[in-house]
């Protein structure tokens, strides 16, 4: 009896697979498909004001890191950027 019940079930149902809710809905249109720059700048108003200082601090930190790394690569004469020839 158990064997006949298993054979009559659909294979996907037997494995417990179902389509997700996301796959059942139609594909949404892209939010920024044909917007102008001014319309895109208006979306910056959606950013919570508490996150703006964090963004400024992160931008300064990343900028300082690139400046420091570039300055080190440009000014340090003892830094080897290529292999030495002759010593193999």
Protein backbone atom coordinates (compact mmCIF):
# COMPACT_ATOMS: atom_id res chain seq x y z
CA UNK A 1 0.00 0.00 0.00
CA UNK A 2 2.77 2.42 0.88
CA UNK A 3 4.55 1.63 -2.39
CA UNK A 4 1.49 2.50 -4.49
CA UNK A 5 1.04 5.82 -2.67
CA UNK A 6 4.68 6.75 -3.34
CA UNK A 7 4.43 5.84 -7.02
CA UNK A 8 1.26 7.88 -7.50
CA UNK A 9 2.80 11.06 -6.04
CA UNK A 10 4.38 13.63 -8.29
CA UNK A 11 8.22 13.58 -8.14
CA UNK A 12 8.53 17.25 -7.18
CA UNK A 13 5.94 16.87 -4.48
CA UNK A 14 7.75 13.81 -3.15
CA UNK A 15 10.99 15.79 -2.80
CA UNK A 16 9.20 18.73 -1.21
CA UNK A 17 10.13 21.21 -3.95
CA UNK A 18 7.88 24.18 -4.64
CA UNK A 19 8.31 27.38 -6.59
CA UNK A 20 9.15 30.31 -4.35
CA UNK A 21 6.84 33.28 -3.93
CA UNK A 22 9.38 35.41 -5.78
CA UNK A 23 9.15 33.20 -8.85
CA UNK A 24 5.35 33.33 -8.86
CA UNK A 25 5.19 37.11 -9.24
CA UNK A 26 5.92 38.91 -12.55
CA UNK A 27 9.35 40.46 -13.00
CA UNK A 28 9.31 44.05 -11.65
CA UNK A 29 10.39 46.89 -13.89
CA UNK A 30 13.76 48.43 -13.17
CA UNK A 31 13.40 51.47 -10.93
CA UNK A 32 15.95 53.61 -12.80
CA UNK A 33 15.24 52.45 -16.36
CA UNK A 34 14.69 55.82 -18.07
CA UNK A 35 15.30 58.42 -15.39
CA UNK A 36 17.27 61.58 -15.83
CA UNK A 37 20.11 62.62 -13.55
CA UNK A 38 17.89 65.01 -11.61
CA UNK A 39 15.37 62.25 -10.99
CA UNK A 40 18.16 59.98 -9.77
CA UNK A 41 19.46 62.71 -7.45
CA UNK A 42 16.01 62.94 -5.90
CA UNK A 43 16.38 59.35 -4.72
CA UNK A 44 19.19 60.52 -2.43
CA UNK A 45 16.47 61.98 -0.24
CA UNK A 46 15.50 58.41 0.63
CA UNK A 47 18.81 57.94 2.48
CA UNK A 48 18.29 58.30 6.24
CA UNK A 49 20.04 61.42 7.59
CA UNK A 50 21.82 59.33 10.23
CA UNK A 51 23.85 57.56 7.52
CA UNK A 52 25.23 60.70 5.85
CA UNK A 53 28.00 61.32 8.45
CA UNK A 54 29.00 57.66 8.20
CA UNK A 55 29.28 58.01 4.41
CA UNK A 56 31.42 61.13 4.77
CA UNK A 57 33.76 59.42 7.24
CA UNK A 58 34.08 56.36 4.99
CA UNK A 59 34.78 58.53 1.93
CA UNK A 60 37.53 60.42 3.79
CA UNK A 61 39.06 57.17 5.06
CA UNK A 62 39.11 55.54 1.62
CA UNK A 63 40.51 58.72 0.07
CA UNK A 64 43.26 58.92 2.70
CA UNK A 65 44.12 55.25 2.15
CA UNK A 66 44.52 55.72 -1.61
CA UNK A 67 46.54 58.91 -1.08
CA UNK A 68 48.82 57.19 1.43
CA UNK A 69 49.32 54.14 -0.76
CA UNK A 70 50.01 56.23 -3.86
CA UNK A 71 52.45 58.46 -2.02
CA UNK A 72 54.29 55.43 -0.62
CA UNK A 73 54.61 53.83 -4.06
CA UNK A 74 55.74 57.08 -5.66
CA UNK A 75 58.26 58.36 -3.08
CA UNK A 76 59.83 55.26 -1.47
CA UNK A 77 63.08 54.54 -3.33
CA UNK A 78 63.82 51.32 -1.40
CA UNK A 79 60.53 49.72 -2.35
CA UNK A 80 61.11 47.08 -5.03
CA UNK A 81 58.34 47.11 -7.61
CA UNK A 82 60.13 44.82 -10.11
CA UNK A 83 62.41 41.77 -9.84
CA UNK A 84 66.13 42.19 -9.67
CA UNK A 85 67.90 40.95 -12.77
CA UNK A 86 71.02 38.81 -12.59
CA UNK A 87 70.21 37.06 -9.28
CA UNK A 88 68.43 33.90 -10.28
